[in-house]
PDB file of N, CA and C in Angstrom:
ATOM      1  N   MET A   1       1.048 -16.480  11.746  1.00  0.00           N
ATOM      2  CA  MET A   1      -0.039 -15.742  12.363  1.00  0.00           C
ATOM      3  C   MET A   1      -0.831 -15.034  11.270  1.00  0.00           C
ATOM      4  N   PRO A   2      -2.127 -15.193  11.242  1.00  0.00           N
ATOM      5  CA  PRO A   2      -2.955 -14.496  10.253  1.00  0.00           C
ATOM      6  C   PRO A   2      -2.839 -12.981  10.423  1.00  0.00           C
ATOM      7  N   ARG A   3      -2.854 -12.263   9.312  1.00  0.00           N
ATOM      8  CA  ARG A   3      -2.670 -10.808   9.394  1.00  0.00           C
ATOM      9  C   ARG A   3      -3.770 -10.122  10.171  1.00  0.00           C
ATOM     10  N   GLU A   4      -4.968 -10.733  10.215  1.00  0.00           N
ATOM     11  CA  GLU A   4      -6.056 -10.151  10.996  1.00  0.00           C
ATOM     12  C   GLU A   4      -5.708 -10.127  12.483  1.00  0.00           C
ATOM     13  N   GLN A   5      -4.883 -11.062  12.928  1.00  0.00           N
ATOM     14  CA  GLN A   5      -4.447 -11.083  14.322  1.00  0.00           C
ATOM     15  C   GLN A   5      -3.253 -10.157  14.544  1.00  0.00           C
ATOM     16  N   ALA A   6      -2.440  -9.987  13.514  1.00  0.00           N
ATOM     17  CA  ALA A   6      -1.239  -9.162  13.648  1.00  0.00           C
ATOM     18  C   ALA A   6      -1.525  -7.673  13.476  1.00  0.00           C
ATOM     19  N   PHE A   7      -2.507  -7.337  12.643  1.00  0.00           N
ATOM     20  CA  PHE A   7      -2.773  -5.936  12.325  1.00  0.00           C
ATOM     21  C   PHE A   7      -4.262  -5.632  12.414  1.00  0.00           C
ATOM     22  N   HIS A   8      -4.603  -4.491  12.999  1.00  0.00           N
ATOM     23  CA  HIS A   8      -5.991  -4.030  13.050  1.00  0.00           C
ATOM     24  C   HIS A   8      -6.391  -3.547  11.661  1.00  0.00           C
ATOM     25  N   ASP A   9      -7.494  -4.026  11.144  1.00  0.00           N
ATOM     26  CA  ASP A   9      -8.039  -3.608   9.851  1.00  0.00           C
ATOM     27  C   ASP A   9      -6.984  -3.700   8.736  1.00  0.00           C
ATOM     28  N   PRO A  10      -6.440  -4.899   8.468  1.00  0.00           N
ATOM     29  CA  PRO A  10      -5.314  -5.054   7.554  1.00  0.00           C
ATOM     30  C   PRO A  10      -5.607  -4.735   6.091  1.00  0.00           C
ATOM     31  N   ASP A  11      -6.861  -4.656   5.692  1.00  0.00           N
ATOM     32  CA  ASP A  11      -7.193  -4.410   4.292  1.00  0.00           C
ATOM     33  C   ASP A  11      -7.370  -2.934   3.951  1.00  0.00           C
ATOM     34  N   ARG A  12      -7.153  -2.056   4.921  1.00  0.00           N
ATOM     35  CA  ARG A  12      -7.280  -0.618   4.667  1.00  0.00           C
ATOM     36  C   ARG A  12      -5.911   0.041   4.668  1.00  0.00           C
ATOM     37  N   LEU A  13      -5.701   0.999   3.768  1.00  0.00           N
ATOM     38  CA  LEU A  13      -4.486   1.794   3.755  1.00  0.00           C
ATOM     39  C   LEU A  13      -4.671   2.913   4.766  1.00  0.00           C
ATOM     40  N   LEU A  14      -3.969   2.818   5.874  1.00  0.00           N
ATOM     41  CA  LEU A  14      -4.022   3.842   6.913  1.00  0.00           C
ATOM     42  C   LEU A  14      -2.644   4.485   6.974  1.00  0.00           C
ATOM     43  N   VAL A  15      -2.512   5.640   6.332  1.00  0.00           N
ATOM     44  CA  VAL A  15      -1.219   6.292   6.214  1.00  0.00           C
ATOM     45  C   VAL A  15      -0.612   6.586   7.576  1.00  0.00           C
ATOM     46  N   ASP A  16      -1.444   6.908   8.556  1.00  0.00           N
ATOM     47  CA  ASP A  16      -0.931   7.250   9.882  1.00  0.00           C
ATOM     48  C   ASP A  16      -0.978   6.068  10.855  1.00  0.00           C
ATOM     49  N   ARG A  17      -1.116   4.848  10.339  1.00  0.00           N
ATOM     50  CA  ARG A  17      -1.170   3.653  11.191  1.00  0.00           C
ATOM     51  C   ARG A  17       0.145   3.509  11.968  1.00  0.00           C
ATOM     52  N   ALA A  18       0.019   3.322  13.270  1.00  0.00           N
ATOM     53  CA  ALA A  18       1.204   3.060  14.087  1.00  0.00           C
ATOM     54  C   ALA A  18       1.656   1.629  13.829  1.00  0.00           C
ATOM     55  N   SER A  19       2.930   1.392  14.016  1.00  0.00           N
ATOM     56  CA  SER A  19       3.452   0.041  13.839  1.00  0.00           C
ATOM     57  C   SER A  19       2.781  -0.881  14.846  1.00  0.00           C
ATOM     58  N   GLU A  20       2.126  -1.919  14.346  1.00  0.00           N
ATOM     59  CA  GLU A  20       1.357  -2.801  15.223  1.00  0.00           C
ATOM     60  C   GLU A  20       1.936  -4.198  15.331  1.00  0.00           C
ATOM     61  N   GLY A  21       2.870  -4.550  14.497  1.00  0.00           N
ATOM     62  CA  GLY A  21       3.309  -5.934  14.516  1.00  0.00           C
ATOM     63  C   GLY A  21       4.661  -6.129  13.863  1.00  0.00           C
ATOM     64  N   PRO A  22       4.988  -7.367  13.616  1.00  0.00           N
ATOM     65  CA  PRO A  22       6.311  -7.708  13.095  1.00  0.00           C
ATOM     66  C   PRO A  22       6.445  -7.450  11.593  1.00  0.00           C
ATOM     67  N   HIS A  23       6.526  -6.181  11.208  1.00  0.00           N
ATOM     68  CA  HIS A  23       6.670  -5.819   9.806  1.00  0.00           C
ATOM     69  C   HIS A  23       8.128  -6.002   9.408  1.00  0.00           C
ATOM     70  N   LEU A  24       8.378  -6.735   8.342  1.00  0.00           N
ATOM     71  CA  LEU A  24       9.751  -7.069   7.979  1.00  0.00           C
ATOM     72  C   LEU A  24      10.229  -6.415   6.687  1.00  0.00           C
ATOM     73  N   ALA A  25       9.516  -5.436   6.183  1.00  0.00           N
ATOM     74  CA  ALA A  25       9.894  -4.829   4.911  1.00  0.00           C
ATOM     75  C   ALA A  25      11.284  -4.204   4.945  1.00  0.00           C
ATOM     76  N   PHE A  26      11.708  -3.692   6.068  1.00  0.00           N
ATOM     77  CA  PHE A  26      13.016  -3.061   6.174  1.00  0.00           C
ATOM     78  C   PHE A  26      14.012  -3.933   6.931  1.00  0.00           C
ATOM     79  N   GLY A  27      13.732  -5.208   7.075  1.00  0.00           N
ATOM     80  CA  GLY A  27      14.643  -6.110   7.763  1.00  0.00           C
ATOM     81  C   GLY A  27      14.402  -6.123   9.259  1.00  0.00           C
ATOM     82  N   LYS A  28      15.292  -6.805   9.952  1.00  0.00           N
ATOM     83  CA  LYS A  28      15.134  -6.951  11.391  1.00  0.00           C
ATOM     84  C   LYS A  28      16.501  -7.154  12.030  1.00  0.00           C
ATOM     85  N   GLY A  29      16.635  -6.697  13.255  1.00  0.00           N
ATOM     86  CA  GLY A  29      17.880  -6.914  13.994  1.00  0.00           C
ATOM     87  C   GLY A  29      19.059  -6.221  13.345  1.00  0.00           C
ATOM     88  N   GLU A  30      20.173  -6.919  13.230  1.00  0.00           N
ATOM     89  CA  GLU A  30      21.387  -6.311  12.681  1.00  0.00           C
ATOM     90  C   GLU A  30      21.259  -5.993  11.195  1.00  0.00           C
ATOM     91  N   HIS A  31      20.256  -6.532  10.545  1.00  0.00           N
ATOM     92  CA  HIS A  31      20.044  -6.281   9.122  1.00  0.00           C
ATOM     93  C   HIS A  31      18.988  -5.202   8.879  1.00  0.00           C
ATOM     94  N   PHE A  32      18.633  -4.452   9.903  1.00  0.00           N
ATOM     95  CA  PHE A  32      17.614  -3.413   9.785  1.00  0.00           C
ATOM     96  C   PHE A  32      18.123  -2.282   8.904  1.00  0.00           C
ATOM     97  N   CYS A  33      17.288  -1.802   8.029  1.00  0.00           N
ATOM     98  CA  CYS A  33      17.644  -0.732   7.098  1.00  0.00           C
ATOM     99  C   CYS A  33      17.738   0.605   7.836  1.00  0.00           C
ATOM    100  N   LEU A  34      18.893   1.263   7.733  1.00  0.00           N
ATOM    101  CA  LEU A  34      19.081   2.555   8.401  1.00  0.00           C
ATOM    102  C   LEU A  34      18.209   3.655   7.789  1.00  0.00           C
ATOM    103  N   GLY A  35      17.803   3.475   6.548  1.00  0.00           N
ATOM    104  CA  GLY A  35      16.975   4.477   5.882  1.00  0.00           C
ATOM    105  C   GLY A  35      15.483   4.292   6.091  1.00  0.00           C
ATOM    106  N   ALA A  36      15.090   3.306   6.893  1.00  0.00           N
ATOM    107  CA  ALA A  36      13.663   3.012   7.087  1.00  0.00           C
ATOM    108  C   ALA A  36      12.863   4.207   7.596  1.00  0.00           C
ATOM    109  N   PRO A  37      13.326   4.939   8.614  1.00  0.00           N
ATOM    110  CA  PRO A  37      12.519   6.068   9.106  1.00  0.00           C
ATOM    111  C   PRO A  37      12.280   7.140   8.037  1.00  0.00           C
ATOM    112  N   ILE A  38      13.315   7.473   7.257  1.00  0.00           N
ATOM    113  CA  ILE A  38      13.128   8.502   6.230  1.00  0.00           C
ATOM    114  C   ILE A  38      12.253   7.967   5.093  1.00  0.00           C
ATOM    115  N   ALA A  39      12.371   6.691   4.771  1.00  0.00           N
ATOM    116  CA  ALA A  39      11.519   6.097   3.729  1.00  0.00           C
ATOM    117  C   ALA A  39      10.057   6.132   4.151  1.00  0.00           C
ATOM    118  N   ARG A  40       9.789   5.838   5.414  1.00  0.00           N
ATOM    119  CA  ARG A  40       8.406   5.882   5.909  1.00  0.00           C
ATOM    120  C   ARG A  40       7.867   7.314   5.881  1.00  0.00           C
ATOM    121  N   LEU A  41       8.691   8.266   6.298  1.00  0.00           N
ATOM    122  CA  LEU A  41       8.275   9.670   6.291  1.00  0.00           C
ATOM    123  C   LEU A  41       7.993  10.138   4.862  1.00  0.00           C
ATOM    124  N   GLU A  42       8.902   9.822   3.933  1.00  0.00           N
ATOM    125  CA  GLU A  42       8.706  10.226   2.540  1.00  0.00           C
ATOM    126  C   GLU A  42       7.437   9.612   1.955  1.00  0.00           C
ATOM    127  N   THR A  43       7.179   8.361   2.295  1.00  0.00           N
ATOM    128  CA  THR A  43       5.976   7.692   1.804  1.00  0.00           C
ATOM    129  C   THR A  43       4.726   8.356   2.354  1.00  0.00           C
ATOM    130  N   ARG A  44       4.720   8.635   3.658  1.00  0.00           N
ATOM    131  CA  ARG A  44       3.549   9.257   4.280  1.00  0.00           C
ATOM    132  C   ARG A  44       3.289  10.642   3.690  1.00  0.00           C
ATOM    133  N   VAL A  45       4.339  11.454   3.571  1.00  0.00           N
ATOM    134  CA  VAL A  45       4.179  12.806   3.028  1.00  0.00           C
ATOM    135  C   VAL A  45       3.750  12.741   1.561  1.00  0.00           C
ATOM    136  N   GLY A  46       4.371  11.863   0.788  1.00  0.00           N
ATOM    137  CA  GLY A  46       4.044  11.752  -0.633  1.00  0.00           C
ATOM    138  C   GLY A  46       2.610  11.329  -0.882  1.00  0.00           C
ATOM    139  N   ILE A  47       2.174  10.270  -0.208  1.00  0.00           N
ATOM    140  CA  ILE A  47       0.808   9.776  -0.417  1.00  0.00           C
ATOM    141  C   ILE A  47      -0.215  10.775   0.100  1.00  0.00           C
ATOM    142  N   THR A  48       0.054  11.379   1.253  1.00  0.00           N
ATOM    143  CA  THR A  48      -0.876  12.364   1.813  1.00  0.00           C
ATOM    144  C   THR A  48      -1.030  13.558   0.868  1.00  0.00           C
ATOM    145  N   THR A  49       0.084  14.060   0.346  1.00  0.00           N
ATOM    146  CA  THR A  49       0.053  15.195  -0.580  1.00  0.00           C
ATOM    147  C   THR A  49      -0.680  14.824  -1.867  1.00  0.00           C
ATOM    148  N   TRP A  50      -0.379  13.663  -2.393  1.00  0.00           N
ATOM    149  CA  TRP A  50      -1.011  13.179  -3.621  1.00  0.00           C
ATOM    150  C   TRP A  50      -2.521  13.060  -3.445  1.00  0.00           C
ATOM    151  N   LEU A  51      -2.964  12.464  -2.340  1.00  0.00           N
ATOM    152  CA  LEU A  51      -4.402  12.311  -2.107  1.00  0.00           C
ATOM    153  C   LEU A  51      -5.089  13.651  -1.861  1.00  0.00           C
ATOM    154  N   ARG A  52      -4.409  14.573  -1.208  1.00  0.00           N
ATOM    155  CA  ARG A  52      -4.983  15.894  -0.955  1.00  0.00           C
ATOM    156  C   ARG A  52      -5.203  16.649  -2.267  1.00  0.00           C
ATOM    157  N   ARG A  53      -4.355  16.390  -3.257  1.00  0.00           N
ATOM    158  CA  ARG A  53      -4.450  17.085  -4.540  1.00  0.00           C
ATOM    159  C   ARG A  53      -5.321  16.345  -5.554  1.00  0.00           C
ATOM    160  N   THR A  54      -5.923  15.256  -5.123  1.00  0.00           N
ATOM    161  CA  THR A  54      -6.746  14.446  -6.013  1.00  0.00           C
ATOM    162  C   THR A  54      -8.193  14.472  -5.551  1.00  0.00           C
ATOM    163  N   LYS A  55      -9.085  14.853  -6.454  1.00  0.00           N
ATOM    164  CA  LYS A  55     -10.510  14.902  -6.126  1.00  0.00           C
ATOM    165  C   LYS A  55     -11.126  13.511  -6.200  1.00  0.00           C
ATOM    166  N   GLU A  56     -10.730  12.754  -7.233  1.00  0.00           N
ATOM    167  CA  GLU A  56     -11.349  11.451  -7.449  1.00  0.00           C
ATOM    168  C   GLU A  56     -10.358  10.518  -8.142  1.00  0.00           C
ATOM    169  N   ILE A  57     -10.394   9.247  -7.757  1.00  0.00           N
ATOM    170  CA  ILE A  57      -9.598   8.205  -8.405  1.00  0.00           C
ATOM    171  C   ILE A  57     -10.583   7.145  -8.882  1.00  0.00           C
ATOM    172  N   THR A  58     -10.586   6.891 -10.188  1.00  0.00           N
ATOM    173  CA  THR A  58     -11.519   5.907 -10.737  1.00  0.00           C
ATOM    174  C   THR A  58     -10.768   4.903 -11.602  1.00  0.00           C
ATOM    175  N   LEU A  59     -11.355   3.747 -11.746  1.00  0.00           N
ATOM    176  CA  LEU A  59     -10.814   2.706 -12.608  1.00  0.00           C
ATOM    177  C   LEU A  59     -11.044   3.123 -14.055  1.00  0.00           C
ATOM    178  N   ASP A  60     -10.010   3.047 -14.891  1.00  0.00           N
ATOM    179  CA  ASP A  60     -10.099   3.516 -16.270  1.00  0.00           C
ATOM    180  C   ASP A  60     -10.444   2.398 -17.259  1.00  0.00           C
ATOM    181  N   ILE A  61     -10.810   1.232 -16.744  1.00  0.00           N
ATOM    182  CA  ILE A  61     -11.266   0.125 -17.581  1.00  0.00           C
ATOM    183  C   ILE A  61     -12.471  -0.514 -16.893  1.00  0.00           C
ATOM    184  N   ASP A  62     -13.152  -1.368 -17.594  1.00  0.00           N
ATOM    185  CA  ASP A  62     -14.267  -2.094 -17.001  1.00  0.00           C
ATOM    186  C   ASP A  62     -13.718  -3.019 -15.903  1.00  0.00           C
ATOM    187  N   PRO A  63     -14.347  -3.064 -14.748  1.00  0.00           N
ATOM    188  CA  PRO A  63     -13.856  -3.921 -13.660  1.00  0.00           C
ATOM    189  C   PRO A  63     -13.686  -5.385 -14.071  1.00  0.00           C
ATOM    190  N   ASP A  64     -14.487  -5.852 -15.005  1.00  0.00           N
ATOM    191  CA  ASP A  64     -14.366  -7.238 -15.466  1.00  0.00           C
ATOM    192  C   ASP A  64     -13.110  -7.471 -16.301  1.00  0.00           C
ATOM    193  N   ASP A  65     -12.466  -6.382 -16.762  1.00  0.00           N
ATOM    194  CA  ASP A  65     -11.260  -6.505 -17.581  1.00  0.00           C
ATOM    195  C   ASP A  65      -9.973  -6.463 -16.763  1.00  0.00           C
ATOM    196  N   VAL A  66     -10.072  -6.335 -15.464  1.00  0.00           N
ATOM    197  CA  VAL A  66      -8.873  -6.335 -14.614  1.00  0.00           C
ATOM    198  C   VAL A  66      -8.257  -7.732 -14.668  1.00  0.00           C
ATOM    199  N   GLU A  67      -6.969  -7.786 -15.009  1.00  0.00           N
ATOM    200  CA  GLU A  67      -6.275  -9.066 -15.155  1.00  0.00           C
ATOM    201  C   GLU A  67      -5.440  -9.354 -13.909  1.00  0.00           C
ATOM    202  N   TYR A  68      -5.655 -10.522 -13.340  1.00  0.00           N
ATOM    203  CA  TYR A  68      -4.943 -10.919 -12.125  1.00  0.00           C
ATOM    204  C   TYR A  68      -3.755 -11.809 -12.459  1.00  0.00           C
ATOM    205  N   LEU A  69      -2.739 -11.780 -11.596  1.00  0.00           N
ATOM    206  CA  LEU A  69      -1.566 -12.628 -11.778  1.00  0.00           C
ATOM    207  C   LEU A  69      -1.971 -14.096 -11.735  1.00  0.00           C
ATOM    208  N   PRO A  70      -1.422 -14.901 -12.625  1.00  0.00           N
ATOM    209  CA  PRO A  70      -1.752 -16.325 -12.631  1.00  0.00           C
ATOM    210  C   PRO A  70      -0.922 -17.076 -11.588  1.00  0.00           C
ATOM    211  N   SER A  71      -1.293 -16.926 -10.331  1.00  0.00           N
ATOM    212  CA  SER A  71      -0.525 -17.547  -9.256  1.00  0.00           C
ATOM    213  C   SER A  71      -1.455 -17.984  -8.143  1.00  0.00           C
ATOM    214  N   PHE A  72      -1.151 -19.122  -7.564  1.00  0.00           N
ATOM    215  CA  PHE A  72      -1.931 -19.571  -6.416  1.00  0.00           C
ATOM    216  C   PHE A  72      -1.351 -19.017  -5.118  1.00  0.00           C
ATOM    217  N   ALA A  73      -0.116 -18.529  -5.167  1.00  0.00           N
ATOM    218  CA  ALA A  73       0.552 -18.063  -3.955  1.00  0.00           C
ATOM    219  C   ALA A  73       0.371 -16.568  -3.707  1.00  0.00           C
ATOM    220  N   GLN A  74       0.167 -15.800  -4.768  1.00  0.00           N
ATOM    221  CA  GLN A  74       0.033 -14.356  -4.622  1.00  0.00           C
ATOM    222  C   GLN A  74      -1.247 -13.896  -5.307  1.00  0.00           C
ATOM    223  N   HIS A  75      -1.874 -12.916  -4.713  1.00  0.00           N
ATOM    224  CA  HIS A  75      -3.079 -12.342  -5.310  1.00  0.00           C
ATOM    225  C   HIS A  75      -2.729 -10.921  -5.725  1.00  0.00           C
ATOM    226  N   GLY A  76      -2.359 -10.759  -6.980  1.00  0.00           N
ATOM    227  CA  GLY A  76      -1.961  -9.446  -7.455  1.00  0.00           C
ATOM    228  C   GLY A  76      -2.598  -9.131  -8.791  1.00  0.00           C
ATOM    229  N   ILE A  77      -2.471  -7.893  -9.178  1.00  0.00           N
ATOM    230  CA  ILE A  77      -3.054  -7.412 -10.427  1.00  0.00           C
ATOM    231  C   ILE A  77      -1.927  -7.123 -11.403  1.00  0.00           C
ATOM    232  N   VAL A  78      -2.085  -7.567 -12.648  1.00  0.00           N
ATOM    233  CA  VAL A  78      -1.075  -7.360 -13.679  1.00  0.00           C
ATOM    234  C   VAL A  78      -0.966  -5.879 -14.020  1.00  0.00           C
ATOM    235  N   ARG A  79      -2.086  -5.233 -14.218  1.00  0.00           N
ATOM    236  CA  ARG A  79      -2.127  -3.832 -14.636  1.00  0.00           C
ATOM    237  C   ARG A  79      -3.408  -3.231 -14.104  1.00  0.00           C
ATOM    238  N   LEU A  80      -3.328  -2.004 -13.589  1.00  0.00           N
ATOM    239  CA  LEU A  80      -4.509  -1.350 -13.034  1.00  0.00           C
ATOM    240  C   LEU A  80      -4.557   0.100 -13.519  1.00  0.00           C
ATOM    241  N   PRO A  81      -5.147   0.325 -14.696  1.00  0.00           N
ATOM    242  CA  PRO A  81      -5.243   1.685 -15.213  1.00  0.00           C
ATOM    243  C   PRO A  81      -6.218   2.512 -14.370  1.00  0.00           C
ATOM    244  N   LEU A  82      -5.721   3.611 -13.857  1.00  0.00           N
ATOM    245  CA  LEU A  82      -6.536   4.496 -13.031  1.00  0.00           C
ATOM    246  C   LEU A  82      -6.616   5.869 -13.667  1.00  0.00           C
ATOM    247  N   ARG A  83      -7.686   6.580 -13.372  1.00  0.00           N
ATOM    248  CA  ARG A  83      -7.857   7.960 -13.826  1.00  0.00           C
ATOM    249  C   ARG A  83      -7.920   8.848 -12.591  1.00  0.00           C
ATOM    250  N   PHE A  84      -7.095   9.880 -12.572  1.00  0.00           N
ATOM    251  CA  PHE A  84      -7.029  10.800 -11.437  1.00  0.00           C
ATOM    252  C   PHE A  84      -7.612  12.142 -11.842  1.00  0.00           C
ATOM    253  N   THR A  85      -8.569  12.618 -11.063  1.00  0.00           N
ATOM    254  CA  THR A  85      -9.162  13.928 -11.291  1.00  0.00           C
ATOM    255  C   THR A  85      -8.556  14.888 -10.274  1.00  0.00           C
ATOM    256  N   PRO A  86      -7.872  15.936 -10.740  1.00  0.00           N
ATOM    257  CA  PRO A  86      -7.265  16.883  -9.802  1.00  0.00           C
ATOM    258  C   PRO A  86      -8.310  17.568  -8.930  1.00  0.00           C
ATOM    259  N   ALA A  87      -7.913  17.909  -7.725  1.00  0.00           N
ATOM    260  CA  ALA A  87      -8.817  18.596  -6.789  1.00  0.00           C
ATOM    261  C   ALA A  87      -8.964  20.047  -7.190  1.00  0.00           C
TER     262      ALA A  87
END
């Protein structure tokens, strides 16, 4: 199933997004991670606090210098230098 059908607005980081589909990061069924709820809470609190304390996040290199993983199966970035300006 395409992620656009499984998740509303899949390309945006929505910290408070409710679970909308079959997310398997913490396993499923009898293999479900018991620490999943606390991991989600810690992630939400951490990212929210970090963003609240940050005025601006900018790319610290020229956008044309961003190096992507050499893979046809995954679209990822090798390194992404960022500059954080405190709030």
